Amino acid sequence: MYSVIVVPPMCGSAEGQVRMAAGERLMFGRAGTDGGMTIDHGGVPRVAGEITAHRSFWLLSNLSEDQTYVVENPEGAGEHLKIAPGRMEAPVPFEFARVVLPAAGDLLAFDVWAPRHAFRSADRRGLPGTATAPAFALDRTSRYFAVLAALCEPRLRGEPHAPLPAVEQLVERLRPVWPAVSRSSVYWNIDYLALKLRLRPGPDTAEPGLRVNGKKESLVSLALRFDLVREDDLVVLAAATGEVVR
């Protein structure tokens, strides 16, 4: 049973993917090693690295002499790992990961999936005593949550470094589910979220626009880092006809 799937650069079909069972190894680089993955670019070392599969994660060895590799989490809030030259068997915990190789002015990437992540039940209702207070109490039917979802949407759509939407863009995005939305109401909800999630506002001496931009970045970073907004939550931006957030 395979535990890791490697998707080579420019791979357009399932047939080109490499499925690895726990304990198997895959070399990659410019040289076509037997059974390895060839990355045909003059800026990639002949033997660039090696992937080792485990049951629910994988290890990455950087066999280059002077290039740092970066492993990104496309579903996260910009989380990434830096694998220094010569580093052996660095563990990668991401379920979906993108390995980025600097190559003579280009950035080449391939994906690695570790779909066998296992989870136990988080149900604690059978335990005695008082319930644990929620870390973040958010009402997913509220307008402030719709604002937060609209803020997070570009990065949840698979673009971890996408610029955040401006307030005018948020107004247009929210109008189908909130017909009376305005710039001032969006600003108010951003301020409310910053207070509710206990984020410190920007310095009092900063310009108002810069303070809001800082709040937006902090809100999105916190929300994505702790999964306060997931891709499934974007349904609040596409409510059924006649349904509006309150």
C-alpha atoms as a PDB file:
ATOM      1  CA  MET A   1       0.000   0.000   0.000  1.00  0.00           C
ATOM      2  CA  TYR A   2       1.501   3.318  -1.051  1.00  0.00           C
ATOM      3  CA  SER A   3       1.767   6.102   1.517  1.00  0.00           C
ATOM      4  CA  VAL A   4       3.320   8.951  -0.500  1.00  0.00           C
ATOM      5  CA  ILE A   5       2.562  10.226  -4.001  1.00  0.00           C
ATOM      6  CA  VAL A   6       5.113  12.344  -5.875  1.00  0.00           C
ATOM      7  CA  VAL A   7       3.803  14.503  -8.727  1.00  0.00           C
ATOM      8  CA  PRO A   8       6.695  15.434 -11.051  1.00  0.00           C
ATOM      9  CA  PRO A   9       6.932  18.886 -12.655  1.00  0.00           C
ATOM     10  CA  MET A  10       4.487  19.360 -15.548  1.00  0.00           C
ATOM     11  CA  CYS A  11       2.794  16.052 -14.748  1.00  0.00           C
ATOM     12  CA  GLY A  12      -0.591  16.104 -16.429  1.00  0.00           C
ATOM     13  CA  SER A  13      -1.975  12.671 -15.609  1.00  0.00           C
ATOM     14  CA  ALA A  14      -2.127  10.052 -12.878  1.00  0.00           C
ATOM     15  CA  GLU A  15       0.094   7.761 -14.956  1.00  0.00           C
ATOM     16  CA  GLY A  16       3.044  10.115 -14.470  1.00  0.00           C
ATOM     17  CA  GLN A  17       2.771  10.148 -10.687  1.00  0.00           C
ATOM     18  CA  VAL A  18       5.153   8.111  -8.527  1.00  0.00           C
ATOM     19  CA  ARG A  19       3.506   6.074  -5.766  1.00  0.00           C
ATOM     20  CA  MET A  20       5.770   5.039  -2.913  1.00  0.00           C
ATOM     21  CA  ALA A  21       5.232   2.563  -0.104  1.00  0.00           C
ATOM     22  CA  ALA A  22       6.645   3.130   3.382  1.00  0.00           C
ATOM     23  CA  GLY A  23      10.419   2.679   3.353  1.00  0.00           C
ATOM     24  CA  GLU A  24      10.866   3.248  -0.381  1.00  0.00           C
ATOM     25  CA  ARG A  25      13.233   5.923  -1.653  1.00  0.00           C
ATOM     26  CA  LEU A  26      13.146   8.152  -4.735  1.00  0.00           C
ATOM     27  CA  MET A  27      16.163  10.050  -6.029  1.00  0.00           C
ATOM     28  CA  PHE A  28      15.598  13.195  -8.090  1.00  0.00           C
ATOM     29  CA  GLY A  29      17.856  15.438 -10.122  1.00  0.00           C
ATOM     30  CA  ARG A  30      19.076  16.348 -13.593  1.00  0.00           C
ATOM     31  CA  ALA A  31      20.698  12.964 -14.172  1.00  0.00           C
ATOM     32  CA  GLY A  32      18.295  10.189 -15.022  1.00  0.00           C
ATOM     33  CA  THR A  33      19.133   7.728 -12.238  1.00  0.00           C
ATOM     34  CA  ASP A  34      17.515   4.309 -12.527  1.00  0.00           C
ATOM     35  CA  GLY A  35      14.025   4.549 -11.109  1.00  0.00           C
ATOM     36  CA  GLY A  36      14.543   8.193 -10.121  1.00  0.00           C
ATOM     37  CA  MET A  37      12.712  11.366 -11.100  1.00  0.00           C
ATOM     38  CA  THR A  38      14.429  13.433 -13.780  1.00  0.00           C
ATOM     39  CA  ILE A  39      14.126  17.232 -13.622  1.00  0.00           C
ATOM     40  CA  ASP A  40      15.534  18.385 -16.938  1.00  0.00           C
ATOM     41  CA  HIS A  41      16.999  21.806 -16.163  1.00  0.00           C
ATOM     42  CA  GLY A  42      20.607  22.968 -16.308  1.00  0.00           C
ATOM     43  CA  GLY A  43      20.313  24.630 -12.902  1.00  0.00           C
ATOM     44  CA  VAL A  44      19.334  21.413 -11.098  1.00  0.00           C
ATOM     45  CA  PRO A  45      22.198  19.268  -9.704  1.00  0.00           C
ATOM     46  CA  ARG A  46      22.730  15.911 -11.346  1.00  0.00           C
ATOM     47  CA  VAL A  47      21.784  14.281  -8.042  1.00  0.00           C
ATOM     48  CA  ALA A  48      19.677  16.891  -6.276  1.00  0.00           C
ATOM     49  CA  GLY A  49      17.947  15.045  -3.478  1.00  0.00           C
ATOM     50  CA  GLU A  50      16.082  12.039  -2.192  1.00  0.00           C
ATOM     51  CA  ILE A  51      12.590  11.404  -0.846  1.00  0.00           C
ATOM     52  CA  THR A  52      11.935   8.612   1.653  1.00  0.00           C
ATOM     53  CA  ALA A  53       8.345   7.559   2.305  1.00  0.00           C
ATOM     54  CA  HIS A  54       6.929   6.745   5.714  1.00  0.00           C
ATOM     55  CA  ARG A  55       3.389   5.840   6.672  1.00  0.00           C
ATOM     56  CA  SER A  56       1.989   9.329   7.229  1.00  0.00           C
ATOM     57  CA  PHE A  57       4.910  11.627   6.405  1.00  0.00           C
ATOM     58  CA  TRP A  58       8.091  11.671   4.343  1.00  0.00           C
ATOM     59  CA  LEU A  59      11.738  12.667   4.586  1.00  0.00           C
ATOM     60  CA  LEU A  60      13.623  14.971   2.258  1.00  0.00           C
ATOM     61  CA  SER A  61      17.407  14.909   1.803  1.00  0.00           C
ATOM     62  CA  ASN A  62      19.083  17.873   0.093  1.00  0.00           C
ATOM     63  CA  LEU A  63      22.083  16.511  -1.810  1.00  0.00           C
ATOM     64  CA  SER A  64      23.035  19.782  -3.500  1.00  0.00           C
ATOM     65  CA  GLU A  65      26.230  21.606  -2.622  1.00  0.00           C
ATOM     66  CA  ASP A  66      24.940  25.160  -2.190  1.00  0.00           C
ATOM     67  CA  GLN A  67      21.167  25.415  -2.792  1.00  0.00           C
ATOM     68  CA  THR A  68      18.531  25.606  -0.065  1.00  0.00           C
ATOM     69  CA  TYR A  69      15.266  23.870  -0.902  1.00  0.00           C
ATOM     70  CA  VAL A  70      11.899  25.110   0.341  1.00  0.00           C
ATOM     71  CA  VAL A  71       8.924  22.887   1.136  1.00  0.00           C
ATOM     72  CA  GLU A  72       5.662  24.853   1.154  1.00  0.00           C
ATOM     73  CA  ASN A  73       2.267  23.965   2.564  1.00  0.00           C
ATOM     74  CA  PRO A  74      -0.143  25.144  -0.183  1.00  0.00           C
ATOM     75  CA  GLU A  75      -3.107  24.751   2.163  1.00  0.00           C
ATOM     76  CA  GLY A  76      -1.613  26.685   5.045  1.00  0.00           C
ATOM     77  CA  ALA A  77      -0.946  30.264   5.997  1.00  0.00           C
ATOM     78  CA  GLY A  78       2.452  30.469   4.347  1.00  0.00           C
ATOM     79  CA  GLU A  79       4.022  27.670   6.412  1.00  0.00           C
ATOM     80  CA  HIS A  80       7.198  26.343   4.887  1.00  0.00           C
ATOM     81  CA  LEU A  81      10.348  24.418   5.717  1.00  0.00           C
ATOM     82  CA  LYS A  82      13.866  25.318   4.593  1.00  0.00           C
ATOM     83  CA  ILE A  83      16.079  22.336   3.845  1.00  0.00           C
ATOM     84  CA  ALA A  84      19.717  23.432   3.880  1.00  0.00           C
ATOM     85  CA  PRO A  85      22.370  21.975   1.549  1.00  0.00           C
ATOM     86  CA  GLY A  86      23.555  18.634   2.856  1.00  0.00           C
ATOM     87  CA  ARG A  87      20.628  18.194   5.259  1.00  0.00           C
ATOM     88  CA  MET A  88      19.654  14.529   5.393  1.00  0.00           C
ATOM     89  CA  GLU A  89      16.187  13.080   6.012  1.00  0.00           C
ATOM     90  CA  ALA A  90      14.398  16.206   7.164  1.00  0.00           C
ATOM     91  CA  PRO A  91      10.827  15.181   8.162  1.00  0.00           C
ATOM     92  CA  VAL A  92       7.983  16.874   6.273  1.00  0.00           C
ATOM     93  CA  PRO A  93       4.628  16.787   8.108  1.00  0.00           C
ATOM     94  CA  PHE A  94       2.416  18.435   5.471  1.00  0.00           C
ATOM     95  CA  GLU A  95      -0.322  16.308   3.937  1.00  0.00           C
ATOM     96  CA  PHE A  96       0.059  18.306   0.714  1.00  0.00           C
ATOM     97  CA  ALA A  97       3.462  19.828   0.020  1.00  0.00           C
ATOM     98  CA  ARG A  98       5.241  21.673  -2.769  1.00  0.00           C
ATOM     99  CA  VAL A  99       9.015  21.300  -3.074  1.00  0.00           C
ATOM    100  CA  VAL A 100      10.599  24.411  -4.620  1.00  0.00           C
ATOM    101  CA  LEU A 101      14.079  24.185  -6.138  1.00  0.00           C
ATOM    102  CA  PRO A 102      16.019  27.331  -7.135  1.00  0.00           C
ATOM    103  CA  ALA A 103      17.540  26.671 -10.543  1.00  0.00           C
ATOM    104  CA  ALA A 104      19.660  29.299 -12.331  1.00  0.00           C
ATOM    105  CA  GLY A 105      17.144  32.100 -11.919  1.00  0.00           C
ATOM    106  CA  ASP A 106      14.066  29.856 -12.126  1.00  0.00           C
ATOM    107  CA  LEU A 107      11.982  28.318  -9.368  1.00  0.00           C
ATOM    108  CA  LEU A 108      11.051  24.734 -10.199  1.00  0.00           C
ATOM    109  CA  ALA A 109       8.460  22.860  -8.163  1.00  0.00           C
ATOM    110  CA  PHE A 110       6.964  19.438  -7.747  1.00  0.00           C
ATOM    111  CA  ASP A 111       4.284  18.197  -5.354  1.00  0.00           C
ATOM    112  CA  VAL A 112       4.364  15.475  -2.727  1.00  0.00           C
ATOM    113  CA  TRP A 113       1.183  14.124  -1.163  1.00  0.00           C
ATOM    114  CA  ALA A 114       1.025  12.123   2.057  1.00  0.00           C
ATOM    115  CA  PRO A 115      -2.664  11.134   2.085  1.00  0.00           C
ATOM    116  CA  ARG A 116      -2.491   8.518   4.851  1.00  0.00           C
ATOM    117  CA  HIS A 117      -2.636  10.929   7.774  1.00  0.00           C
ATOM    118  CA  ALA A 118      -4.494   9.193  10.610  1.00  0.00           C
ATOM    119  CA  PHE A 119      -6.758  10.853  13.159  1.00  0.00           C
ATOM    120  CA  ARG A 120      -8.400   9.648  16.341  1.00  0.00           C
ATOM    121  CA  SER A 121     -11.778  10.816  17.574  1.00  0.00           C
ATOM    122  CA  ALA A 122     -11.650  14.170  19.342  1.00  0.00           C
ATOM    123  CA  ASP A 123     -14.890  13.478  21.223  1.00  0.00           C
ATOM    124  CA  ARG A 124     -14.463  14.341  24.912  1.00  0.00           C
ATOM    125  CA  ARG A 125     -18.123  14.264  25.952  1.00  0.00           C
ATOM    126  CA  GLY A 126     -17.648  11.114  28.020  1.00  0.00           C
ATOM    127  CA  LEU A 127     -15.067  12.720  30.316  1.00  0.00           C
ATOM    128  CA  PRO A 128     -16.178  14.089  33.703  1.00  0.00           C
ATOM    129  CA  GLY A 129     -15.771  17.701  34.731  1.00  0.00           C
ATOM    130  CA  THR A 130     -16.398  21.020  33.047  1.00  0.00           C
ATOM    131  CA  ALA A 131     -16.011  21.397  29.306  1.00  0.00           C
ATOM    132  CA  THR A 132     -12.953  23.161  27.917  1.00  0.00           C
ATOM    133  CA  ALA A 133     -13.642  26.727  26.845  1.00  0.00           C
ATOM    134  CA  PRO A 134     -13.374  27.158  23.046  1.00  0.00           C
ATOM    135  CA  ALA A 135     -10.156  28.765  21.864  1.00  0.00           C
ATOM    136  CA  PHE A 136     -11.970  30.956  19.322  1.00  0.00           C
ATOM    137  CA  ALA A 137     -15.753  31.416  19.541  1.00  0.00           C
ATOM    138  CA  LEU A 138     -16.933  32.328  16.041  1.00  0.00           C
ATOM    139  CA  ASP A 139     -20.511  32.411  14.762  1.00  0.00           C
ATOM    140  CA  ARG A 140     -20.339  31.092  11.205  1.00  0.00           C
ATOM    141  CA  THR A 141     -23.732  32.602  10.339  1.00  0.00           C
ATOM    142  CA  SER A 142     -22.640  36.136  11.219  1.00  0.00           C
ATOM    143  CA  ARG A 143     -21.558  38.965   8.976  1.00  0.00           C
ATOM    144  CA  TYR A 144     -18.149  39.212  10.610  1.00  0.00           C
ATOM    145  CA  PHE A 145     -17.458  35.579   9.682  1.00  0.00           C
ATOM    146  CA  ALA A 146     -18.455  36.279   6.062  1.00  0.00           C
ATOM    147  CA  VAL A 147     -15.963  39.170   6.073  1.00  0.00           C
ATOM    148  CA  LEU A 148     -13.268  36.887   7.479  1.00  0.00           C
ATOM    149  CA  ALA A 149     -14.043  34.216   4.868  1.00  0.00           C
ATOM    150  CA  ALA A 150     -13.823  36.787   2.062  1.00  0.00           C
ATOM    151  CA  LEU A 151     -10.478  37.970   3.420  1.00  0.00           C
ATOM    152  CA  CYS A 152      -9.116  34.415   3.487  1.00  0.00           C
ATOM    153  CA  GLU A 153     -10.601  33.290   0.158  1.00  0.00           C
ATOM    154  CA  PRO A 154      -7.659  34.101  -2.185  1.00  0.00           C
ATOM    155  CA  ARG A 155      -5.195  32.113  -0.058  1.00  0.00           C
ATOM    156  CA  LEU A 156      -7.636  29.273   0.547  1.00  0.00           C
ATOM    157  CA  ARG A 157      -8.022  28.914  -3.221  1.00  0.00           C
ATOM    158  CA  GLY A 158      -4.481  27.592  -3.469  1.00  0.00           C
ATOM    159  CA  GLU A 159      -2.494  30.833  -3.633  1.00  0.00           C
ATOM    160  CA  PRO A 160      -0.688  31.044  -0.266  1.00  0.00           C
ATOM    161  CA  HIS A 161       1.036  34.326  -1.170  1.00  0.00           C
ATOM    162  CA  ALA A 162      -1.931  36.008  -2.871  1.00  0.00           C
ATOM    163  CA  PRO A 163      -2.435  39.687  -1.955  1.00  0.00           C
ATOM    164  CA  LEU A 164      -5.344  40.314   0.361  1.00  0.00           C
ATOM    165  CA  PRO A 165      -8.460  41.902  -1.158  1.00  0.00           C
ATOM    166  CA  ALA A 166      -8.961  45.626  -0.725  1.00  0.00           C
ATOM    167  CA  VAL A 167     -12.033  46.836   1.124  1.00  0.00           C
ATOM    168  CA  GLU A 168     -13.702  47.756  -2.179  1.00  0.00           C
ATOM    169  CA  GLN A 169     -13.151  44.183  -3.405  1.00  0.00           C
ATOM    170  CA  LEU A 170     -14.568  42.809  -0.176  1.00  0.00           C
ATOM    171  CA  VAL A 171     -17.704  44.911  -0.637  1.00  0.00           C
ATOM    172  CA  GLU A 172     -18.261  43.502  -4.136  1.00  0.00           C
ATOM    173  CA  ARG A 173     -17.544  39.951  -3.024  1.00  0.00           C
ATOM    174  CA  LEU A 174     -19.981  40.155  -0.102  1.00  0.00           C
ATOM    175  CA  ARG A 175     -22.823  41.941  -1.878  1.00  0.00           C
ATOM    176  CA  PRO A 176     -24.607  38.751  -3.119  1.00  0.00           C
ATOM    177  CA  VAL A 177     -25.071  37.543   0.478  1.00  0.00           C
ATOM    178  CA  TRP A 178     -25.167  40.953   2.142  1.00  0.00           C
ATOM    179  CA  PRO A 179     -26.953  43.449  -0.158  1.00  0.00           C
ATOM    180  CA  ALA A 180     -26.574  46.391   2.239  1.00  0.00           C
ATOM    181  CA  VAL A 181     -22.806  45.950   2.673  1.00  0.00           C
ATOM    182  CA  SER A 182     -20.718  49.117   2.573  1.00  0.00           C
ATOM    183  CA  ARG A 183     -17.128  50.179   3.074  1.00  0.00           C
ATOM    184  CA  SER A 184     -17.878  51.409   6.595  1.00  0.00           C
ATOM    185  CA  SER A 185     -19.595  48.144   7.577  1.00  0.00           C
ATOM    186  CA  VAL A 186     -16.635  46.118   6.292  1.00  0.00           C
ATOM    187  CA  TYR A 187     -14.220  48.350   8.238  1.00  0.00           C
ATOM    188  CA  TRP A 188     -16.371  47.927  11.361  1.00  0.00           C
ATOM    189  CA  ASN A 189     -16.367  44.140  11.072  1.00  0.00           C
ATOM    190  CA  ILE A 190     -12.603  44.043  10.550  1.00  0.00           C
ATOM    191  CA  ASP A 191     -12.160  46.116  13.710  1.00  0.00           C
ATOM    192  CA  TYR A 192     -14.616  43.857  15.546  1.00  0.00           C
ATOM    193  CA  LEU A 193     -12.756  40.718  14.454  1.00  0.00           C
ATOM    194  CA  ALA A 194      -9.447  42.194  15.587  1.00  0.00           C
ATOM    195  CA  LEU A 195     -11.005  42.850  19.001  1.00  0.00           C
ATOM    196  CA  LYS A 196     -12.803  39.491  19.204  1.00  0.00           C
ATOM    197  CA  LEU A 197      -9.688  37.515  18.273  1.00  0.00           C
ATOM    198  CA  ARG A 198      -7.554  39.643  20.611  1.00  0.00           C
ATOM    199  CA  LEU A 199      -5.258  41.039  17.980  1.00  0.00           C
ATOM    200  CA  ARG A 200      -3.513  44.239  18.884  1.00  0.00           C
ATOM    201  CA  PRO A 201      -4.298  47.185  16.610  1.00  0.00           C
ATOM    202  CA  GLY A 202      -1.524  48.998  14.806  1.00  0.00           C
ATOM    203  CA  PRO A 203       0.292  51.930  16.415  1.00  0.00           C
ATOM    204  CA  ASP A 204      -1.855  55.002  17.028  1.00  0.00           C
ATOM    205  CA  THR A 205       0.517  57.060  14.933  1.00  0.00           C
ATOM    206  CA  ALA A 206       0.007  54.911  11.827  1.00  0.00           C
ATOM    207  CA  GLU A 207      -2.229  56.091   9.030  1.00  0.00           C
ATOM    208  CA  PRO A 208      -5.753  54.607   9.181  1.00  0.00           C
ATOM    209  CA  GLY A 209      -5.361  52.731   5.912  1.00  0.00           C
ATOM    210  CA  LEU A 210      -2.107  51.144   7.000  1.00  0.00           C
ATOM    211  CA  ARG A 211      -3.638  50.112  10.321  1.00  0.00           C
ATOM    212  CA  VAL A 212      -6.484  48.305   8.549  1.00  0.00           C
ATOM    213  CA  ASN A 213      -4.092  46.581   6.175  1.00  0.00           C
ATOM    214  CA  GLY A 214      -2.077  45.376   9.146  1.00  0.00           C
ATOM    215  CA  LYS A 215      -5.223  44.082  10.813  1.00  0.00           C
ATOM    216  CA  LYS A 216      -6.273  42.252   7.682  1.00  0.00           C
ATOM    217  CA  GLU A 217      -2.919  40.511   7.382  1.00  0.00           C
ATOM    218  CA  SER A 218      -2.960  39.557  11.062  1.00  0.00           C
ATOM    219  CA  LEU A 219      -6.537  38.273  10.844  1.00  0.00           C
ATOM    220  CA  VAL A 220      -5.866  36.114   7.803  1.00  0.00           C
ATOM    221  CA  SER A 221      -2.621  34.769   9.230  1.00  0.00           C
ATOM    222  CA  LEU A 222      -4.333  33.785  12.502  1.00  0.00           C
ATOM    223  CA  ALA A 223      -7.415  32.334  10.787  1.00  0.00           C
ATOM    224  CA  LEU A 224      -5.443  30.159   8.386  1.00  0.00           C
ATOM    225  CA  ARG A 225      -2.829  29.104  10.918  1.00  0.00           C
ATOM    226  CA  PHE A 226      -5.462  27.730  13.316  1.00  0.00           C
ATOM    227  CA  ASP A 227      -8.027  26.618  10.680  1.00  0.00           C
ATOM    228  CA  LEU A 228     -10.636  29.112  11.837  1.00  0.00           C
ATOM    229  CA  VAL A 229     -11.662  29.354   8.184  1.00  0.00           C
ATOM    230  CA  ARG A 230     -11.413  26.350   5.882  1.00  0.00           C
ATOM    231  CA  GLU A 231     -12.132  26.022   2.201  1.00  0.00           C
ATOM    232  CA  ASP A 232     -15.497  24.447   3.040  1.00  0.00           C
ATOM    233  CA  ASP A 233     -16.446  27.626   4.901  1.00  0.00           C
ATOM    234  CA  LEU A 234     -16.354  29.638   1.672  1.00  0.00           C
ATOM    235  CA  VAL A 235     -19.919  28.425   1.112  1.00  0.00           C
ATOM    236  CA  VAL A 236     -20.973  31.438   3.221  1.00  0.00           C
ATOM    237  CA  LEU A 237     -19.988  33.600   0.239  1.00  0.00           C
ATOM    238  CA  ALA A 238     -22.355  31.737  -2.067  1.00  0.00           C
ATOM    239  CA  ALA A 239     -25.610  31.563  -0.076  1.00  0.00           C
ATOM    240  CA  ALA A 240     -28.727  30.322  -1.772  1.00  0.00           C
ATOM    241  CA  THR A 241     -31.042  32.847  -3.462  1.00  0.00           C
ATOM    242  CA  GLY A 242     -32.801  34.933  -0.866  1.00  0.00           C
ATOM    243  CA  GLU A 243     -30.477  33.838   1.926  1.00  0.00           C
ATOM    244  CA  VAL A 244     -28.334  36.554   3.503  1.00  0.00           C
ATOM    245  CA  VAL A 245     -25.931  36.520   6.413  1.00  0.00           C
ATOM    246  CA  ARG A 246     -27.119  38.349   9.498  1.00  0.00           C
END
